[in-house]
């Protein structure tokens, strides 16, 4: 493999912009090592949680992350949003509040926090999250049994406490809450169960409710998507009426005449599986250059392709599970 293509994965805290189904052209900020999370969701596209934890840490110096954001904003046309997300649960980052406030000082772009919502029972987490403009928590279960099956939380986390944390946050937060509900075929998608999720959601009154299903590649074979027409039908069980989130594969404009680097392509694919078009539009690269880079990276064993719902997605190989890492659930 040539020197230009060989990738040694260091930390890269900023990735994209990527075409987001909910947030438009979203510049991602990753502040958690892969994959440190308080949940181990069966539908996660990043694979099994490596460190299941509810303890907050300063994984990376906040000054370095802010410098990365500033450098990327100088290169790119303004994104629609700057999204704190990435390789794990971002509310585990102990400097989250300082990070969000620092980003807002350098850019007028709305800051979104993509979170599983499992730690909002903690006052320090709620205080940090209040600095964001949009908070996008998840609620995928209507009872404790489904919560354990779908989200597989860190021991000691109970669904009732998660909901109470979101209720408290709603009363303290002046921004927008967009709730995401991930529905998995044959697991949590019956009308009765979705109705129970809707009842819980009404208790903290999100501004928007968005129903999703795992259309991108996942590592758990049980995480199958439900048909789009069923997703649309289930929207009527929520108040306010939920929106069915549709897949987006293009539409993000990057800087013109860029020369792509293998490291940034792999950095993007570490955070989410992407089509060739996603990589091209997200990184502002000519499609021919993307095809060349992906082909070289595939031959080098750095990335591989997955067919899902009629689309070819690319994924970083270092996120794949092997037989020893797979766990029977």
Protein backbone atom coordinates (compact mmCIF):
# COMPACT_ATOMS: atom_id res chain seq x y z
CA UNK A 1 0.00 0.00 0.00
CA UNK A 2 1.37 3.44 -0.91
CA UNK A 3 2.33 5.99 1.68
CA UNK A 4 -0.43 8.33 0.44
CA UNK A 5 -3.15 5.78 1.11
CA UNK A 6 -1.96 4.15 4.32
CA UNK A 7 -4.06 5.32 7.24
CA UNK A 8 -3.08 5.21 10.88
CA UNK A 9 -6.15 6.31 12.77
CA UNK A 10 -5.36 9.14 15.12
CA UNK A 11 -8.00 11.38 16.64
CA UNK A 12 -9.83 13.67 14.29
CA UNK A 13 -12.54 15.50 16.22
CA UNK A 14 -14.30 17.15 13.26
CA UNK A 15 -15.81 15.28 10.32
CA UNK A 16 -18.03 16.01 7.37
CA UNK A 17 -20.17 17.96 6.69
CA UNK A 18 -22.43 14.99 6.10
CA UNK A 19 -25.94 15.00 4.61
CA UNK A 20 -28.23 14.53 7.59
CA UNK A 21 -31.84 13.49 7.27
CA UNK A 22 -32.76 15.85 10.09
CA UNK A 23 -30.13 18.57 10.23
CA UNK A 24 -29.20 19.28 6.62
CA UNK A 25 -25.48 19.82 6.00
CA UNK A 26 -24.19 18.79 9.41
CA UNK A 27 -20.59 19.37 10.53
CA UNK A 28 -19.92 16.68 13.12
CA UNK A 29 -17.85 17.16 16.27
CA UNK A 30 -16.71 13.94 17.93
CA UNK A 31 -15.60 14.15 21.57
CA UNK A 32 -15.80 10.52 22.74
CA UNK A 33 -13.43 7.65 21.82
CA UNK A 34 -14.99 4.80 19.85
CA UNK A 35 -17.15 3.39 21.21
CA UNK A 36 -17.69 4.72 24.73
CA UNK A 37 -21.41 4.89 25.45
CA UNK A 38 -24.00 4.50 28.18
CA UNK A 39 -26.09 2.31 25.84
CA UNK A 40 -25.31 -0.65 23.58
CA UNK A 41 -28.20 -0.26 21.13
CA UNK A 42 -28.90 -3.14 18.78
CA UNK A 43 -29.37 -0.73 15.86
CA UNK A 44 -26.14 1.25 16.25
CA UNK A 45 -24.27 1.59 12.96
CA UNK A 46 -20.93 1.83 14.80
CA UNK A 47 -21.10 -1.68 16.22
CA UNK A 48 -21.10 -3.02 19.78
CA UNK A 49 -20.18 -0.66 22.60
CA UNK A 50 -16.58 -1.22 23.63
CA UNK A 51 -16.81 0.66 26.94
CA UNK A 52 -20.26 0.67 28.53
CA UNK A 53 -20.10 3.55 31.00
CA UNK A 54 -22.13 6.26 32.68
CA UNK A 55 -19.08 8.14 33.99
CA UNK A 56 -18.17 11.49 32.46
CA UNK A 57 -14.57 12.16 31.46
CA UNK A 58 -12.51 14.81 29.67
CA UNK A 59 -11.43 12.51 26.88
CA UNK A 60 -9.75 15.27 24.83
CA UNK A 61 -8.67 18.83 25.74
CA UNK A 62 -11.52 21.17 24.88
CA UNK A 63 -9.08 23.75 23.50
CA UNK A 64 -7.85 21.24 20.90
CA UNK A 65 -11.38 20.34 19.84
CA UNK A 66 -12.33 24.00 19.46
CA UNK A 67 -9.19 24.61 17.38
CA UNK A 68 -10.22 21.73 15.09
CA UNK A 69 -13.70 23.21 14.68
CA UNK A 70 -12.29 26.66 13.90
CA UNK A 71 -9.90 25.25 11.30
CA UNK A 72 -12.67 23.30 9.55
CA UNK A 73 -15.06 26.27 9.52
CA UNK A 74 -12.38 28.34 7.78
CA UNK A 75 -12.31 25.81 4.92
CA UNK A 76 -15.99 25.06 4.41
CA UNK A 77 -19.07 26.98 3.35
CA UNK A 78 -21.18 27.47 6.48
CA UNK A 79 -22.99 24.22 7.36
CA UNK A 80 -26.64 24.14 8.34
CA UNK A 81 -25.74 22.84 11.80
CA UNK A 82 -22.74 21.96 13.92
CA UNK A 83 -23.62 18.69 15.61
CA UNK A 84 -22.01 17.24 18.74
CA UNK A 85 -22.18 13.52 17.99
CA UNK A 86 -19.79 10.90 16.71
CA UNK A 87 -18.28 7.72 18.08
CA UNK A 88 -20.13 7.37 21.38
CA UNK A 89 -22.45 9.22 23.79
CA UNK A 90 -21.39 12.90 23.77
CA UNK A 91 -22.90 13.77 27.16
CA UNK A 92 -20.14 11.60 28.65
CA UNK A 93 -17.72 14.39 27.68
CA UNK A 94 -17.13 16.37 30.86
CA UNK A 95 -16.29 19.59 28.97
CA UNK A 96 -19.47 19.51 26.88
CA UNK A 97 -20.80 22.84 28.15
CA UNK A 98 -17.53 24.69 27.51
CA UNK A 99 -17.32 23.12 24.08
CA UNK A 100 -20.79 24.21 22.99
CA UNK A 101 -20.32 27.73 24.32
CA UNK A 102 -16.94 27.98 22.58
CA UNK A 103 -18.41 26.91 19.25
CA UNK A 104 -21.20 29.46 19.55
CA UNK A 105 -18.65 32.20 20.16
CA UNK A 106 -16.95 31.47 16.83
CA UNK A 107 -19.98 30.76 14.61
CA UNK A 108 -23.60 31.81 14.23
CA UNK A 109 -24.51 28.29 13.06
CA UNK A 110 -26.99 26.45 15.32
CA UNK A 111 -25.38 23.85 17.58
CA UNK A 112 -27.19 20.53 17.91
CA UNK A 113 -26.57 17.82 20.49
CA UNK A 114 -27.28 14.27 19.32
CA UNK A 115 -27.74 12.16 22.46
CA UNK A 116 -29.37 8.98 23.69
CA UNK A 117 -30.83 11.05 26.56
CA UNK A 118 -29.92 8.42 29.14
CA UNK A 119 -27.94 10.74 31.44
CA UNK A 120 -30.40 13.65 31.72
CA UNK A 121 -31.23 12.66 35.25
CA UNK A 122 -27.88 14.27 36.18
CA UNK A 123 -27.99 18.04 36.88
CA UNK A 124 -24.51 18.58 35.37
CA UNK A 125 -25.54 16.94 32.10
CA UNK A 126 -28.71 19.03 31.88
CA UNK A 127 -26.74 22.20 32.60
CA UNK A 128 -24.24 21.49 29.82
CA UNK A 129 -26.94 20.49 27.32
CA UNK A 130 -28.83 23.75 27.94
CA UNK A 131 -26.08 25.57 25.99
CA UNK A 132 -27.16 23.89 22.72
CA UNK A 133 -29.77 25.27 20.33
CA UNK A 134 -31.29 21.90 19.45
CA UNK A 135 -31.15 18.74 21.56
CA UNK A 136 -32.05 15.47 19.86
CA UNK A 137 -32.59 12.71 22.46
CA UNK A 138 -33.81 9.19 21.73
CA UNK A 139 -36.68 7.19 23.19
CA UNK A 140 -36.98 3.72 21.65
CA UNK A 141 -38.95 1.80 24.27
CA UNK A 142 -42.32 2.02 25.96
CA UNK A 143 -41.52 -0.30 28.86
CA UNK A 144 -38.55 -1.58 30.82
CA UNK A 145 -38.30 -4.92 29.01
CA UNK A 146 -38.06 -3.27 25.59
CA UNK A 147 -35.59 -0.70 26.96
CA UNK A 148 -33.26 -3.49 28.01
CA UNK A 149 -33.72 -5.37 24.72
CA UNK A 150 -33.27 -2.43 22.37
CA UNK A 151 -30.92 -0.05 24.19
CA UNK A 152 -29.04 -2.40 26.56
CA UNK A 153 -28.11 0.42 28.97
CA UNK A 154 -25.32 0.58 31.51
CA UNK A 155 -26.41 -1.38 34.63
CA UNK A 156 -28.52 0.67 37.02
CA UNK A 157 -30.20 2.75 34.30
CA UNK A 158 -33.98 2.47 34.27
CA UNK A 159 -36.42 3.76 31.69
CA UNK A 160 -38.56 5.59 34.25
CA UNK A 161 -35.51 7.57 35.40
CA UNK A 162 -34.56 8.41 31.80
CA UNK A 163 -38.03 9.82 31.16
CA UNK A 164 -37.98 11.81 34.41
CA UNK A 165 -34.62 13.29 33.37
CA UNK A 166 -36.09 14.40 30.05
CA UNK A 167 -39.09 15.94 31.84
CA UNK A 168 -36.75 17.97 34.04
CA UNK A 169 -34.66 19.04 31.07
CA UNK A 170 -37.76 20.18 29.18
CA UNK A 171 -38.67 22.46 32.11
CA UNK A 172 -35.15 23.99 32.15
CA UNK A 173 -34.33 24.25 28.44
CA UNK A 174 -35.30 27.24 26.30
CA UNK A 175 -34.23 25.66 23.01
CA UNK A 176 -35.77 23.02 20.77
CA UNK A 177 -36.12 19.32 21.58
CA UNK A 178 -36.47 16.96 18.64
CA UNK A 179 -37.19 13.46 19.83
CA UNK A 180 -36.03 10.51 17.74
CA UNK A 181 -37.76 7.13 18.01
CA UNK A 182 -35.90 4.28 16.31
CA UNK A 183 -38.26 1.46 15.31
CA UNK A 184 -36.81 -1.98 14.61
CA UNK A 185 -38.85 -4.56 12.71
CA UNK A 186 -40.24 -7.25 15.00
CA UNK A 187 -38.77 -5.68 18.15
CA UNK A 188 -40.52 -2.42 19.11
CA UNK A 189 -42.75 -1.63 16.13
CA UNK A 190 -46.21 -2.92 17.05
CA UNK A 191 -48.92 -0.25 17.32
CA UNK A 192 -49.48 -1.11 21.00
CA UNK A 193 -45.83 -0.67 21.87
CA UNK A 194 -45.40 2.48 19.78
CA UNK A 195 -48.46 3.84 21.56
CA UNK A 196 -46.70 3.33 24.89
CA UNK A 197 -43.67 5.23 23.59
CA UNK A 198 -46.00 8.03 22.50
CA UNK A 199 -47.53 8.21 25.99
CA UNK A 200 -44.09 8.62 27.55
CA UNK A 201 -43.13 11.27 25.00
CA UNK A 202 -46.20 13.36 25.83
CA UNK A 203 -44.90 13.71 29.37
CA UNK A 204 -41.98 15.92 28.26
CA UNK A 205 -43.59 17.52 25.19
CA UNK A 206 -40.83 17.57 22.55
CA UNK A 207 -41.15 20.23 19.86
CA UNK A 208 -40.85 17.62 17.12
CA UNK A 209 -41.03 13.84 17.08
CA UNK A 210 -39.21 11.98 14.34
CA UNK A 211 -39.66 8.28 13.63
CA UNK A 212 -36.64 6.51 12.23
CA UNK A 213 -35.71 2.98 11.24
CA UNK A 214 -32.23 1.49 10.66
CA UNK A 215 -31.79 1.92 6.91
CA UNK A 216 -28.00 2.18 7.11
CA UNK A 217 -25.90 -0.92 7.79
CA UNK A 218 -25.87 -2.17 11.38
CA UNK A 219 -23.85 -4.85 13.12
CA UNK A 220 -26.75 -6.68 14.74
CA UNK A 221 -28.79 -8.75 12.30
CA UNK A 222 -31.93 -8.19 14.37
CA UNK A 223 -31.90 -4.47 13.56
CA UNK A 224 -34.00 -4.63 10.40
CA UNK A 225 -35.89 -1.61 9.06
CA UNK A 226 -39.66 -1.43 8.81
CA UNK A 227 -41.30 -0.42 5.50
CA UNK A 228 -41.67 3.30 4.83
CA UNK A 229 -45.47 3.03 4.60
CA UNK A 230 -45.70 1.46 8.07
CA UNK A 231 -43.39 4.11 9.49
CA UNK A 232 -45.71 6.79 8.09
CA UNK A 233 -48.80 5.09 9.54
CA UNK A 234 -47.28 4.97 13.04
CA UNK A 235 -46.67 8.73 12.99
CA UNK A 236 -50.32 9.32 13.82
CA UNK A 237 -49.96 7.72 17.26
CA UNK A 238 -47.90 10.70 18.51
CA UNK A 239 -48.87 14.17 19.65
CA UNK A 240 -47.63 16.31 18.05
CA UNK A 241 -47.86 14.05 15.01
CA UNK A 242 -44.49 12.48 14.31
CA UNK A 243 -42.51 12.84 11.09
CA UNK A 244 -41.11 9.86 9.21
CA UNK A 245 -37.44 10.51 8.52
CA UNK A 246 -36.36 9.79 4.96
CA UNK A 247 -32.86 8.83 3.89
CA UNK A 248 -30.68 11.53 2.30
CA UNK A 249 -27.70 10.65 0.13
CA UNK A 250 -26.55 13.95 -1.33
CA UNK A 251 -26.88 17.72 -1.28
CA UNK A 252 -24.00 18.95 0.91
CA UNK A 253 -21.63 21.34 -0.83
CA UNK A 254 -17.99 21.19 0.17
CA UNK A 255 -15.13 23.54 -0.76
CA UNK A 256 -14.35 23.57 -4.51
CA UNK A 257 -11.36 21.89 -6.15
CA UNK A 258 -10.26 19.98 -3.09
CA UNK A 259 -7.73 17.17 -3.18
CA UNK A 260 -9.06 14.32 -1.08
CA UNK A 261 -7.02 12.47 1.50
CA UNK A 262 -7.51 8.87 2.54
CA UNK A 263 -7.45 9.77 6.24
CA UNK A 264 -10.44 12.11 6.02
CA UNK A 265 -12.45 9.53 4.07
CA UNK A 266 -11.76 6.86 6.68
CA UNK A 267 -12.43 9.40 9.44
CA UNK A 268 -15.89 10.00 8.02
CA UNK A 269 -16.61 6.28 7.55
CA UNK A 270 -15.56 5.57 11.13
CA UNK A 271 -18.50 7.70 12.31
CA UNK A 272 -21.17 6.50 9.89
CA UNK A 273 -21.56 4.23 6.89
CA UNK A 274 -21.82 6.33 3.72
CA UNK A 275 -22.60 5.89 0.07
CA UNK A 276 -20.11 7.12 -2.50
CA UNK A 277 -22.38 10.12 -3.04
CA UNK A 278 -22.39 10.86 0.71
CA UNK A 279 -18.59 10.93 0.76
CA UNK A 280 -18.41 13.09 -2.35
CA UNK A 281 -20.90 15.71 -1.21
CA UNK A 282 -19.91 15.60 2.46
CA UNK A 283 -16.20 16.12 1.83
CA UNK A 284 -16.53 18.28 -1.26
CA UNK A 285 -14.66 15.86 -3.54
CA UNK A 286 -15.22 15.02 -7.17
CA UNK A 287 -17.02 11.66 -7.51
CA UNK A 288 -14.17 10.29 -9.63
CA UNK A 289 -11.69 11.08 -6.86
CA UNK A 290 -13.94 9.40 -4.30
CA UNK A 291 -14.20 6.24 -6.40
CA UNK A 292 -10.41 6.14 -6.70
CA UNK A 293 -9.86 6.67 -2.96
CA UNK A 294 -12.46 4.10 -1.95
CA UNK A 295 -11.04 1.54 -4.36
CA UNK A 296 -7.51 2.04 -3.04
CA UNK A 297 -8.70 1.90 0.56
CA UNK A 298 -10.70 -1.25 -0.14
CA UNK A 299 -7.69 -2.95 -1.70
CA UNK A 300 -5.63 -1.90 1.32
CA UNK A 301 -8.17 -3.44 3.71
CA UNK A 302 -9.14 -0.11 5.27
CA UNK A 303 -12.80 -0.02 4.14
CA UNK A 304 -15.38 -2.44 2.85
CA UNK A 305 -18.74 -2.18 1.12
CA UNK A 306 -22.15 -3.31 2.41
CA UNK A 307 -25.42 -3.59 0.47
CA UNK A 308 -28.41 -2.30 2.44
CA UNK A 309 -31.88 -1.50 1.16
CA UNK A 310 -30.65 -1.32 -2.43
CA UNK A 311 -27.77 1.08 -1.70
CA UNK A 312 -24.04 0.36 -1.51
CA UNK A 313 -22.58 1.76 1.71
CA UNK A 314 -18.93 2.02 2.64
CA UNK A 315 -17.72 1.38 6.17
CA UNK A 316 -14.36 1.52 7.92
CA UNK A 317 -13.00 -1.98 8.51
CA UNK A 318 -11.72 -1.18 11.98
CA UNK A 319 -15.33 -0.97 13.17
CA UNK A 320 -16.24 -4.48 12.08
CA UNK A 321 -16.86 -7.12 14.69
CA UNK A 322 -15.18 -10.51 14.51
CA UNK A 323 -16.37 -13.80 15.92
CA UNK A 324 -14.71 -13.16 19.26
CA UNK A 325 -16.35 -9.76 19.63
CA UNK A 326 -19.85 -10.85 18.78
CA UNK A 327 -22.05 -11.50 21.77
CA UNK A 328 -25.16 -13.58 22.04
CA UNK A 329 -28.04 -11.48 23.25
